[in-house]
Amino acid sequence: PDGQRVQDQSLRERFAALVIPPAWTDVWICLEPNGHIQSTGRDDAARKQYIYHPLWEEMRNMAKFERVYRFGQALPQIRQQVDADLRKHNLPQARVLALAIALLDETHMRIGNSAYLQQNGSYGLTTLEDDHADINSSTVKFAFTGKSGVEQSIALRNPRLARLVKACQELPGQQLFQYEDEAGV
């Protein structure tokens, strides 16, 4: 804890077994062998990284599986609601959200978020801008820089969704997924 070299051989062996990446800085190691977080450190991009206890990871994976299972059971109802909301008139919030969900369902593109856009200049579904979508009749083509700087090119042939993307582009502003309030603003 005080920056001194660890003398206890059993601790040194346990720490070595954690396989902490040598590039990490500001490394912290849990002194308890059963702590759920075994180690933290900063990677070369200064992001905090974690090494978890294997039993903790197993519990998290089981919980994740349960969430995915429940989502799978709810998916037919979600799709029904999306279809109903896509039939709404104009571009109210519910219809634009349904459009985003339908595009996610059809294209499987990453969600994205504004923090990642600001930090890395990369886009995802929720941060797309008008010029990232090109509509040609019944096809919408998305072209943008995604996570890790990978250029994304995604084409979707769906007349209804293409029309809605075009309608969203026609609203003022750069963001693709904007909506109109009750006053049409």
N, C-alpha and C. Protein backbone atom coordinates (compact mmCIF):
# COMPACT_ATOMS: atom_id res chain seq x y z
N PRO A 1 0.81 -1.22 0.00
CA PRO A 1 0.00 0.00 0.00
C PRO A 1 0.84 1.27 0.00
N ASP A 2 2.06 1.19 0.52
CA ASP A 2 2.88 2.40 0.63
C ASP A 2 3.96 2.46 -0.45
N GLY A 3 3.84 1.66 -1.48
CA GLY A 3 4.81 1.68 -2.57
C GLY A 3 6.02 0.80 -2.32
N GLN A 4 6.05 0.12 -1.18
CA GLN A 4 7.17 -0.76 -0.86
C GLN A 4 7.04 -2.08 -1.61
N ARG A 5 8.14 -2.70 -1.88
CA ARG A 5 8.16 -3.99 -2.56
C ARG A 5 7.57 -5.06 -1.63
N VAL A 6 6.71 -5.91 -2.18
CA VAL A 6 6.07 -6.97 -1.40
C VAL A 6 7.09 -8.09 -1.19
N GLN A 7 7.29 -8.46 0.07
CA GLN A 7 8.27 -9.50 0.41
C GLN A 7 7.64 -10.88 0.52
N ASP A 8 6.38 -10.94 0.91
CA ASP A 8 5.69 -12.21 1.12
C ASP A 8 5.58 -12.98 -0.21
N GLN A 9 6.22 -14.16 -0.28
CA GLN A 9 6.28 -14.92 -1.52
C GLN A 9 4.89 -15.37 -1.99
N SER A 10 4.01 -15.76 -1.06
CA SER A 10 2.67 -16.21 -1.48
C SER A 10 1.88 -15.06 -2.08
N LEU A 11 2.03 -13.85 -1.53
CA LEU A 11 1.36 -12.69 -2.12
C LEU A 11 1.93 -12.39 -3.50
N ARG A 12 3.25 -12.47 -3.62
CA ARG A 12 3.89 -12.20 -4.92
C ARG A 12 3.39 -13.19 -5.98
N GLU A 13 3.23 -14.45 -5.61
CA GLU A 13 2.74 -15.45 -6.56
C GLU A 13 1.29 -15.16 -6.95
N ARG A 14 0.47 -14.79 -5.97
CA ARG A 14 -0.93 -14.47 -6.27
C ARG A 14 -1.01 -13.25 -7.18
N PHE A 15 -0.21 -12.24 -6.91
CA PHE A 15 -0.22 -11.03 -7.74
C PHE A 15 0.25 -11.35 -9.16
N ALA A 16 1.26 -12.20 -9.29
CA ALA A 16 1.75 -12.59 -10.62
C ALA A 16 0.68 -13.36 -11.39
N ALA A 17 -0.10 -14.17 -10.67
CA ALA A 17 -1.15 -14.96 -11.31
C ALA A 17 -2.28 -14.08 -11.85
N LEU A 18 -2.37 -12.84 -11.39
CA LEU A 18 -3.41 -11.93 -11.90
C LEU A 18 -3.12 -11.50 -13.33
N VAL A 19 -1.88 -11.63 -13.76
CA VAL A 19 -1.45 -11.27 -15.12
C VAL A 19 -1.86 -9.83 -15.44
N ILE A 20 -1.37 -8.91 -14.64
CA ILE A 20 -1.63 -7.49 -14.83
C ILE A 20 -0.81 -7.01 -16.03
N PRO A 21 -1.45 -6.37 -17.00
CA PRO A 21 -0.70 -5.91 -18.18
C PRO A 21 0.45 -4.99 -17.77
N PRO A 22 1.62 -5.20 -18.34
CA PRO A 22 2.79 -4.41 -17.95
C PRO A 22 2.66 -2.92 -18.29
N ALA A 23 1.79 -2.57 -19.23
CA ALA A 23 1.64 -1.17 -19.62
C ALA A 23 0.76 -0.39 -18.64
N TRP A 24 0.06 -1.08 -17.75
CA TRP A 24 -0.81 -0.38 -16.80
C TRP A 24 0.01 0.51 -15.88
N THR A 25 -0.58 1.66 -15.53
CA THR A 25 0.00 2.55 -14.53
C THR A 25 -1.00 2.68 -13.39
N ASP A 26 -0.58 3.30 -12.30
CA ASP A 26 -1.45 3.49 -11.12
C ASP A 26 -2.13 2.18 -10.73
N VAL A 27 -1.37 1.12 -10.66
CA VAL A 27 -1.91 -0.20 -10.37
C VAL A 27 -2.25 -0.32 -8.89
N TRP A 28 -3.42 -0.88 -8.62
CA TRP A 28 -3.85 -1.22 -7.27
C TRP A 28 -4.17 -2.70 -7.25
N ILE A 29 -3.75 -3.40 -6.21
CA ILE A 29 -4.02 -4.83 -6.07
C ILE A 29 -4.69 -5.07 -4.73
N CYS A 30 -5.78 -5.81 -4.76
CA CYS A 30 -6.52 -6.15 -3.55
C CYS A 30 -5.69 -7.12 -2.70
N LEU A 31 -5.60 -6.83 -1.42
CA LEU A 31 -4.84 -7.71 -0.54
C LEU A 31 -5.63 -8.96 -0.17
N GLU A 32 -6.95 -8.90 -0.34
CA GLU A 32 -7.81 -10.04 -0.01
C GLU A 32 -7.93 -10.97 -1.22
N PRO A 33 -7.62 -12.23 -1.09
CA PRO A 33 -7.68 -13.12 -2.25
C PRO A 33 -9.10 -13.37 -2.77
N ASN A 34 -10.12 -13.05 -1.96
CA ASN A 34 -11.49 -13.27 -2.41
C ASN A 34 -12.24 -11.97 -2.69
N GLY A 35 -11.54 -10.84 -2.76
CA GLY A 35 -12.20 -9.58 -3.10
C GLY A 35 -12.73 -9.63 -4.53
N HIS A 36 -13.89 -9.02 -4.78
CA HIS A 36 -14.46 -9.15 -6.13
C HIS A 36 -13.67 -8.37 -7.16
N ILE A 37 -13.05 -7.25 -6.77
CA ILE A 37 -12.12 -6.56 -7.66
C ILE A 37 -10.72 -6.93 -7.19
N GLN A 38 -9.98 -7.62 -8.03
CA GLN A 38 -8.65 -8.08 -7.66
C GLN A 38 -7.58 -7.04 -7.96
N SER A 39 -7.80 -6.25 -9.02
CA SER A 39 -6.81 -5.25 -9.39
C SER A 39 -7.43 -4.20 -10.28
N THR A 40 -6.89 -2.98 -10.21
CA THR A 40 -7.25 -1.92 -11.15
C THR A 40 -5.96 -1.27 -11.64
N GLY A 41 -6.08 -0.60 -12.76
CA GLY A 41 -4.94 0.13 -13.30
C GLY A 41 -5.40 0.97 -14.46
N ARG A 42 -4.53 1.83 -14.93
CA ARG A 42 -4.83 2.69 -16.08
C ARG A 42 -4.11 2.14 -17.31
N ASP A 43 -4.88 2.02 -18.41
CA ASP A 43 -4.25 1.55 -19.65
C ASP A 43 -3.53 2.71 -20.33
N ASP A 44 -2.97 2.48 -21.51
CA ASP A 44 -2.18 3.52 -22.16
C ASP A 44 -3.03 4.69 -22.65
N ALA A 45 -4.37 4.56 -22.62
CA ALA A 45 -5.26 5.68 -22.95
C ALA A 45 -5.81 6.31 -21.67
N ALA A 46 -5.23 5.96 -20.52
CA ALA A 46 -5.60 6.49 -19.20
C ALA A 46 -7.00 6.07 -18.76
N ARG A 47 -7.55 5.01 -19.37
CA ARG A 47 -8.85 4.49 -18.95
C ARG A 47 -8.64 3.52 -17.80
N LYS A 48 -9.52 3.58 -16.81
CA LYS A 48 -9.40 2.66 -15.69
C LYS A 48 -9.87 1.28 -16.12
N GLN A 49 -9.03 0.28 -15.85
CA GLN A 49 -9.33 -1.11 -16.20
C GLN A 49 -9.39 -1.93 -14.92
N TYR A 50 -10.12 -3.04 -14.99
CA TYR A 50 -10.35 -3.87 -13.82
C TYR A 50 -10.02 -5.32 -14.10
N ILE A 51 -9.52 -6.01 -13.09
CA ILE A 51 -9.41 -7.46 -13.11
C ILE A 51 -10.27 -7.95 -11.94
N TYR A 52 -11.26 -8.77 -12.28
CA TYR A 52 -12.21 -9.26 -11.28
C TYR A 52 -11.86 -10.68 -10.85
N HIS A 53 -12.33 -11.04 -9.68
CA HIS A 53 -12.19 -12.41 -9.19
C HIS A 53 -13.00 -13.33 -10.11
N PRO A 54 -12.48 -14.51 -10.46
CA PRO A 54 -13.21 -15.41 -11.37
C PRO A 54 -14.62 -15.75 -10.91
N LEU A 55 -14.83 -15.94 -9.61
CA LEU A 55 -16.18 -16.25 -9.12
C LEU A 55 -17.12 -15.06 -9.32
N TRP A 56 -16.60 -13.85 -9.14
CA TRP A 56 -17.40 -12.65 -9.37
C TRP A 56 -17.80 -12.56 -10.84
N GLU A 57 -16.86 -12.84 -11.73
CA GLU A 57 -17.16 -12.81 -13.17
C GLU A 57 -18.21 -13.85 -13.51
N GLU A 58 -18.12 -15.02 -12.90
CA GLU A 58 -19.11 -16.07 -13.16
C GLU A 58 -20.50 -15.61 -12.72
N MET A 59 -20.58 -14.99 -11.55
CA MET A 59 -21.88 -14.47 -11.07
C MET A 59 -22.41 -13.39 -12.01
N ARG A 60 -21.54 -12.49 -12.46
CA ARG A 60 -21.96 -11.43 -13.39
C ARG A 60 -22.45 -12.03 -14.70
N ASN A 61 -21.76 -13.04 -15.19
CA ASN A 61 -22.17 -13.68 -16.44
C ASN A 61 -23.52 -14.36 -16.31
N MET A 62 -23.77 -14.98 -15.15
CA MET A 62 -25.08 -15.60 -14.94
C MET A 62 -26.17 -14.53 -14.90
N ALA A 63 -25.90 -13.41 -14.25
CA ALA A 63 -26.88 -12.32 -14.20
C ALA A 63 -27.11 -11.75 -15.59
N LYS A 64 -26.04 -11.63 -16.37
CA LYS A 64 -26.16 -11.12 -17.74
C LYS A 64 -27.01 -12.07 -18.59
N PHE A 65 -26.77 -13.36 -18.45
CA PHE A 65 -27.56 -14.35 -19.18
C PHE A 65 -29.04 -14.22 -18.82
N GLU A 66 -29.33 -14.03 -17.55
CA GLU A 66 -30.73 -13.88 -17.11
C GLU A 66 -31.36 -12.64 -17.74
N ARG A 67 -30.62 -11.53 -17.81
CA ARG A 67 -31.16 -10.31 -18.43
C ARG A 67 -31.41 -10.52 -19.92
N VAL A 68 -30.48 -11.20 -20.60
CA VAL A 68 -30.66 -11.47 -22.02
C VAL A 68 -31.86 -12.39 -22.24
N TYR A 69 -32.03 -13.36 -21.39
CA TYR A 69 -33.17 -14.27 -21.48
C TYR A 69 -34.48 -13.50 -21.34
N ARG A 70 -34.56 -12.64 -20.32
CA ARG A 70 -35.78 -11.84 -20.12
C ARG A 70 -36.02 -10.90 -21.30
N PHE A 71 -34.95 -10.31 -21.83
CA PHE A 71 -35.08 -9.45 -23.00
C PHE A 71 -35.63 -10.25 -24.18
N GLY A 72 -35.11 -11.44 -24.40
CA GLY A 72 -35.58 -12.30 -25.48
C GLY A 72 -37.06 -12.61 -25.35
N GLN A 73 -37.51 -12.81 -24.12
CA GLN A 73 -38.94 -13.07 -23.91
C GLN A 73 -39.79 -11.83 -24.20
N ALA A 74 -39.26 -10.65 -23.92
CA ALA A 74 -40.01 -9.40 -24.13
C ALA A 74 -39.92 -8.90 -25.57
N LEU A 75 -38.97 -9.42 -26.35
CA LEU A 75 -38.72 -8.89 -27.69
C LEU A 75 -39.94 -8.90 -28.61
N PRO A 76 -40.75 -9.95 -28.64
CA PRO A 76 -41.93 -9.89 -29.51
C PRO A 76 -42.87 -8.73 -29.17
N GLN A 77 -43.05 -8.45 -27.89
CA GLN A 77 -43.90 -7.33 -27.49
C GLN A 77 -43.25 -6.00 -27.85
N ILE A 78 -41.95 -5.91 -27.69
CA ILE A 78 -41.24 -4.68 -28.06
C ILE A 78 -41.42 -4.43 -29.55
N ARG A 79 -41.25 -5.46 -30.36
CA ARG A 79 -41.39 -5.31 -31.81
C ARG A 79 -42.82 -4.91 -32.18
N GLN A 80 -43.80 -5.44 -31.48
CA GLN A 80 -45.19 -5.04 -31.73
C GLN A 80 -45.39 -3.56 -31.45
N GLN A 81 -44.85 -3.09 -30.33
CA GLN A 81 -44.99 -1.68 -29.96
C GLN A 81 -44.25 -0.80 -30.95
N VAL A 82 -43.07 -1.21 -31.37
CA VAL A 82 -42.30 -0.46 -32.37
C VAL A 82 -43.12 -0.33 -33.65
N ASP A 83 -43.71 -1.43 -34.10
CA ASP A 83 -44.52 -1.40 -35.32
C ASP A 83 -45.69 -0.44 -35.16
N ALA A 84 -46.35 -0.46 -34.02
CA ALA A 84 -47.48 0.45 -33.78
C ALA A 84 -47.00 1.90 -33.77
N ASP A 85 -45.87 2.17 -33.13
CA ASP A 85 -45.36 3.54 -33.05
C ASP A 85 -44.87 4.04 -34.41
N LEU A 86 -44.37 3.15 -35.24
CA LEU A 86 -43.93 3.56 -36.58
C LEU A 86 -45.11 4.01 -37.44
N ARG A 87 -46.32 3.60 -37.08
CA ARG A 87 -47.51 3.99 -37.85
C ARG A 87 -48.07 5.34 -37.42
N LYS A 88 -47.51 5.94 -36.40
CA LYS A 88 -47.99 7.26 -35.96
C LYS A 88 -47.74 8.29 -37.06
N HIS A 89 -48.41 9.42 -36.96
CA HIS A 89 -48.26 10.48 -37.96
C HIS A 89 -47.22 11.50 -37.50
N ASN A 90 -46.67 12.23 -38.45
CA ASN A 90 -45.64 13.23 -38.21
C ASN A 90 -44.42 12.57 -37.58
N LEU A 91 -43.67 13.32 -36.78
CA LEU A 91 -42.47 12.76 -36.15
C LEU A 91 -42.46 13.01 -34.64
N PRO A 92 -43.46 12.47 -33.93
CA PRO A 92 -43.42 12.61 -32.47
C PRO A 92 -42.30 11.75 -31.89
N GLN A 93 -41.98 12.00 -30.65
CA GLN A 93 -40.88 11.28 -29.99
C GLN A 93 -41.04 9.76 -30.09
N ALA A 94 -42.24 9.25 -29.85
CA ALA A 94 -42.46 7.80 -29.88
C ALA A 94 -42.13 7.22 -31.25
N ARG A 95 -42.46 7.92 -32.31
CA ARG A 95 -42.20 7.40 -33.66
C ARG A 95 -40.70 7.41 -33.98
N VAL A 96 -40.01 8.47 -33.57
CA VAL A 96 -38.57 8.56 -33.84
C VAL A 96 -37.82 7.52 -33.00
N LEU A 97 -38.24 7.32 -31.75
CA LEU A 97 -37.61 6.27 -30.94
C LEU A 97 -37.86 4.90 -31.55
N ALA A 98 -39.08 4.68 -32.05
CA ALA A 98 -39.39 3.41 -32.70
C ALA A 98 -38.52 3.22 -33.94
N LEU A 99 -38.28 4.29 -34.67
CA LEU A 99 -37.40 4.22 -35.84
C LEU A 99 -35.99 3.79 -35.42
N ALA A 100 -35.47 4.41 -34.37
CA ALA A 100 -34.13 4.06 -33.90
C ALA A 100 -34.07 2.60 -33.47
N ILE A 101 -35.09 2.14 -32.76
CA ILE A 101 -35.12 0.74 -32.31
C ILE A 101 -35.23 -0.20 -33.51
N ALA A 102 -36.05 0.15 -34.49
CA ALA A 102 -36.19 -0.69 -35.68
C ALA A 102 -34.87 -0.76 -36.45
N LEU A 103 -34.17 0.36 -36.55
CA LEU A 103 -32.87 0.36 -37.22
C LEU A 103 -31.86 -0.50 -36.46
N LEU A 104 -31.89 -0.40 -35.15
CA LEU A 104 -31.01 -1.23 -34.32
C LEU A 104 -31.32 -2.71 -34.55
N ASP A 105 -32.60 -3.04 -34.58
CA ASP A 105 -33.03 -4.42 -34.78
C ASP A 105 -32.63 -4.94 -36.15
N GLU A 106 -32.72 -4.10 -37.16
CA GLU A 106 -32.43 -4.52 -38.54
C GLU A 106 -30.94 -4.51 -38.88
N THR A 107 -30.20 -3.53 -38.35
CA THR A 107 -28.80 -3.36 -38.77
C THR A 107 -27.78 -3.87 -37.75
N HIS A 108 -28.19 -3.99 -36.50
CA HIS A 108 -27.30 -4.42 -35.41
C HIS A 108 -26.12 -3.48 -35.19
N MET A 109 -26.28 -2.21 -35.57
CA MET A 109 -25.17 -1.28 -35.35
C MET A 109 -25.05 -0.95 -33.86
N ARG A 110 -23.88 -0.51 -33.47
CA ARG A 110 -23.63 -0.14 -32.07
C ARG A 110 -24.48 1.06 -31.69
N ILE A 111 -24.85 1.15 -30.42
CA ILE A 111 -25.69 2.24 -29.93
C ILE A 111 -24.96 3.58 -29.99
N GLY A 112 -23.74 3.65 -29.45
CA GLY A 112 -23.00 4.91 -29.40
C GLY A 112 -23.50 5.79 -28.27
N ASN A 113 -22.73 6.81 -27.94
CA ASN A 113 -23.17 7.81 -26.96
C ASN A 113 -22.37 9.09 -27.15
N SER A 114 -22.92 10.18 -26.62
CA SER A 114 -22.31 11.49 -26.86
C SER A 114 -20.93 11.61 -26.22
N ALA A 115 -20.71 10.97 -25.08
CA ALA A 115 -19.39 11.04 -24.44
C ALA A 115 -18.33 10.39 -25.33
N TYR A 116 -18.65 9.25 -25.90
CA TYR A 116 -17.70 8.57 -26.78
C TYR A 116 -17.46 9.38 -28.05
N LEU A 117 -18.51 10.04 -28.54
CA LEU A 117 -18.36 10.90 -29.72
C LEU A 117 -17.39 12.04 -29.42
N GLN A 118 -17.57 12.69 -28.26
CA GLN A 118 -16.71 13.82 -27.90
C GLN A 118 -15.27 13.38 -27.67
N GLN A 119 -15.09 12.25 -27.00
CA GLN A 119 -13.74 11.79 -26.66
C GLN A 119 -13.00 11.19 -27.85
N ASN A 120 -13.72 10.47 -28.71
CA ASN A 120 -13.06 9.68 -29.75
C ASN A 120 -13.45 10.03 -31.17
N GLY A 121 -14.46 10.90 -31.34
CA GLY A 121 -14.90 11.26 -32.68
C GLY A 121 -15.54 10.11 -33.43
N SER A 122 -16.08 9.14 -32.68
CA SER A 122 -16.72 8.00 -33.33
C SER A 122 -18.21 8.00 -33.03
N TYR A 123 -18.96 7.45 -33.97
CA TYR A 123 -20.41 7.52 -33.93
C TYR A 123 -21.02 6.14 -33.72
N GLY A 124 -22.26 6.17 -33.28
CA GLY A 124 -23.10 4.99 -33.18
C GLY A 124 -24.51 5.42 -33.55
N LEU A 125 -25.45 4.52 -33.46
CA LEU A 125 -26.83 4.79 -33.87
C LEU A 125 -27.38 6.09 -33.27
N THR A 126 -27.23 6.28 -31.97
CA THR A 126 -27.87 7.42 -31.30
C THR A 126 -27.17 8.75 -31.56
N THR A 127 -25.97 8.72 -32.11
CA THR A 127 -25.25 9.96 -32.36
C THR A 127 -25.12 10.28 -33.85
N LEU A 128 -25.78 9.50 -34.69
CA LEU A 128 -25.68 9.74 -36.14
C LEU A 128 -26.18 11.13 -36.50
N GLU A 129 -25.58 11.69 -37.52
CA GLU A 129 -25.98 12.99 -38.04
C GLU A 129 -26.62 12.81 -39.41
N ASP A 130 -27.31 13.86 -39.85
CA ASP A 130 -28.04 13.80 -41.12
C ASP A 130 -27.16 13.32 -42.28
N ASP A 131 -25.92 13.81 -42.33
CA ASP A 131 -25.07 13.47 -43.48
C ASP A 131 -24.49 12.06 -43.41
N HIS A 132 -24.79 11.32 -42.36
CA HIS A 132 -24.35 9.92 -42.27
C HIS A 132 -25.30 8.97 -42.99
N ALA A 133 -26.46 9.48 -43.41
CA ALA A 133 -27.46 8.64 -44.06
C ALA A 133 -27.72 9.15 -45.47
N ASP A 134 -27.72 8.23 -46.41
CA ASP A 134 -28.02 8.54 -47.81
C ASP A 134 -29.20 7.67 -48.23
N ILE A 135 -30.28 8.32 -48.65
CA ILE A 135 -31.49 7.58 -49.02
C ILE A 135 -31.60 7.54 -50.54
N ASN A 136 -31.80 6.34 -51.04
CA ASN A 136 -32.01 6.14 -52.47
C ASN A 136 -33.24 5.26 -52.62
N SER A 137 -34.38 5.89 -52.86
CA SER A 137 -35.64 5.18 -53.01
C SER A 137 -35.97 4.40 -51.74
N SER A 138 -35.87 3.09 -51.77
CA SER A 138 -36.26 2.28 -50.62
C SER A 138 -35.07 1.81 -49.79
N THR A 139 -33.90 2.33 -50.10
CA THR A 139 -32.68 1.90 -49.39
C THR A 139 -32.06 3.08 -48.66
N VAL A 140 -31.65 2.83 -47.43
CA VAL A 140 -30.90 3.83 -46.68
C VAL A 140 -29.50 3.26 -46.46
N LYS A 141 -28.50 4.08 -46.75
CA LYS A 141 -27.11 3.68 -46.56
C LYS A 141 -26.50 4.59 -45.50
N PHE A 142 -25.96 3.97 -44.47
CA PHE A 142 -25.29 4.70 -43.40
C PHE A 142 -23.79 4.57 -43.61
N ALA A 143 -23.08 5.69 -43.51
CA ALA A 143 -21.62 5.69 -43.61
C ALA A 143 -21.09 6.63 -42.54
N PHE A 144 -20.27 6.09 -41.64
CA PHE A 144 -19.76 6.89 -40.52
C PHE A 144 -18.55 6.21 -39.91
N THR A 145 -17.83 6.95 -39.09
CA THR A 145 -16.70 6.40 -38.36
C THR A 145 -17.21 5.84 -37.04
N GLY A 146 -17.02 4.55 -36.83
CA GLY A 146 -17.50 3.88 -35.63
C GLY A 146 -16.41 3.74 -34.59
N LYS A 147 -16.68 2.88 -33.62
CA LYS A 147 -15.76 2.64 -32.51
C LYS A 147 -14.39 2.23 -33.03
N SER A 148 -13.37 2.68 -32.36
CA SER A 148 -11.96 2.41 -32.70
C SER A 148 -11.59 2.92 -34.08
N GLY A 149 -12.33 3.93 -34.58
CA GLY A 149 -12.01 4.55 -35.86
C GLY A 149 -12.34 3.70 -37.07
N VAL A 150 -13.11 2.63 -36.89
CA VAL A 150 -13.45 1.74 -38.00
C VAL A 150 -14.57 2.38 -38.84
N GLU A 151 -14.32 2.50 -40.14
CA GLU A 151 -15.32 3.07 -41.04
C GLU A 151 -16.46 2.07 -41.22
N GLN A 152 -17.67 2.55 -40.99
CA GLN A 152 -18.86 1.71 -41.09
C GLN A 152 -19.63 2.06 -42.36
N SER A 153 -20.11 1.06 -43.05
CA SER A 153 -20.96 1.24 -44.22
C SER A 153 -22.06 0.19 -44.13
N ILE A 154 -23.27 0.65 -43.87
CA ILE A 154 -24.39 -0.25 -43.61
C ILE A 154 -25.54 0.13 -44.53
N ALA A 155 -26.01 -0.83 -45.32
CA ALA A 155 -27.13 -0.59 -46.22
C ALA A 155 -28.34 -1.39 -45.75
N LEU A 156 -29.49 -0.75 -45.79
CA LEU A 156 -30.73 -1.41 -45.38
C LEU A 156 -31.81 -1.10 -46.41
N ARG A 157 -32.37 -2.16 -46.98
CA ARG A 157 -33.47 -1.98 -47.94
C ARG A 157 -34.77 -2.18 -47.18
N ASN A 158 -35.43 -1.05 -46.89
CA ASN A 158 -36.70 -1.07 -46.16
C ASN A 158 -37.39 0.25 -46.48
N PRO A 159 -38.38 0.23 -47.38
CA PRO A 159 -39.01 1.48 -47.82
C PRO A 159 -39.57 2.32 -46.67
N ARG A 160 -40.23 1.69 -45.71
CA ARG A 160 -40.84 2.46 -44.62
C ARG A 160 -39.77 3.14 -43.78
N LEU A 161 -38.74 2.42 -43.40
CA LEU A 161 -37.69 3.02 -42.57
C LEU A 161 -36.91 4.07 -43.36
N ALA A 162 -36.68 3.82 -44.65
CA ALA A 162 -35.98 4.81 -45.49
C ALA A 162 -36.77 6.12 -45.54
N ARG A 163 -38.09 6.03 -45.70
CA ARG A 163 -38.91 7.25 -45.72
C ARG A 163 -38.82 8.00 -44.40
N LEU A 164 -38.83 7.27 -43.30
CA LEU A 164 -38.76 7.93 -41.98
C LEU A 164 -37.39 8.56 -41.74
N VAL A 165 -36.33 7.89 -42.15
CA VAL A 165 -34.99 8.49 -42.01
C VAL A 165 -34.94 9.78 -42.82
N LYS A 166 -35.48 9.75 -44.04
CA LYS A 166 -35.52 10.95 -44.89
C LYS A 166 -36.30 12.07 -44.19
N ALA A 167 -37.44 11.74 -43.59
CA ALA A 167 -38.24 12.74 -42.88
C ALA A 167 -37.45 13.33 -41.71
N CYS A 168 -36.70 12.50 -41.00
CA CYS A 168 -35.88 13.00 -39.89
C CYS A 168 -34.79 13.93 -40.41
N GLN A 169 -34.21 13.61 -41.55
CA GLN A 169 -33.17 14.47 -42.13
C GLN A 169 -33.73 15.84 -42.47
N GLU A 170 -34.99 15.92 -42.81
CA GLU A 170 -35.58 17.18 -43.23
C GLU A 170 -35.89 18.12 -42.07
N LEU A 171 -35.83 17.61 -40.84
CA LEU A 171 -36.01 18.49 -39.68
C LEU A 171 -34.76 19.36 -39.53
N PRO A 172 -34.92 20.58 -39.00
CA PRO A 172 -33.74 21.43 -38.80
C PRO A 172 -32.77 20.82 -37.78
N GLY A 173 -31.50 21.05 -37.98
CA GLY A 173 -30.48 20.54 -37.07
C GLY A 173 -29.67 19.43 -37.71
N GLN A 174 -28.53 19.11 -37.09
CA GLN A 174 -27.61 18.11 -37.63
C GLN A 174 -27.93 16.69 -37.18
N GLN A 175 -28.45 16.55 -35.96
CA GLN A 175 -28.71 15.22 -35.42
C GLN A 175 -29.78 14.51 -36.24
N LEU A 176 -29.56 13.24 -36.53
CA LEU A 176 -30.52 12.49 -37.34
C LEU A 176 -31.80 12.22 -36.57
N PHE A 177 -31.68 11.78 -35.34
CA PHE A 177 -32.87 11.38 -34.58
C PHE A 177 -33.39 12.52 -33.72
N GLN A 178 -34.09 13.44 -34.37
CA GLN A 178 -34.78 14.53 -33.70
C GLN A 178 -36.27 14.29 -33.89
N TYR A 179 -37.08 14.89 -33.05
CA TYR A 179 -38.52 14.69 -33.17
C TYR A 179 -39.23 16.02 -33.02
N GLU A 180 -40.50 16.01 -33.40
CA GLU A 180 -41.33 17.20 -33.28
C GLU A 180 -42.18 17.09 -32.02
N ASP A 181 -42.33 18.21 -31.33
CA ASP A 181 -43.23 18.19 -30.18
C ASP A 181 -44.67 18.36 -30.67
N GLU A 182 -45.60 18.47 -29.73
CA GLU A 182 -47.01 18.55 -30.10
C GLU A 182 -47.33 19.76 -30.96
N ALA A 183 -46.52 20.80 -30.86
CA ALA A 183 -46.75 22.01 -31.66
C ALA A 183 -46.06 21.91 -33.02
N GLY A 184 -45.38 20.79 -33.28
CA GLY A 184 -44.70 20.61 -34.56
C GLY A 184 -43.34 21.27 -34.62
N VAL A 185 -42.76 21.56 -33.46
CA VAL A 185 -41.46 22.23 -33.39
C VAL A 185 -40.40 21.24 -32.95
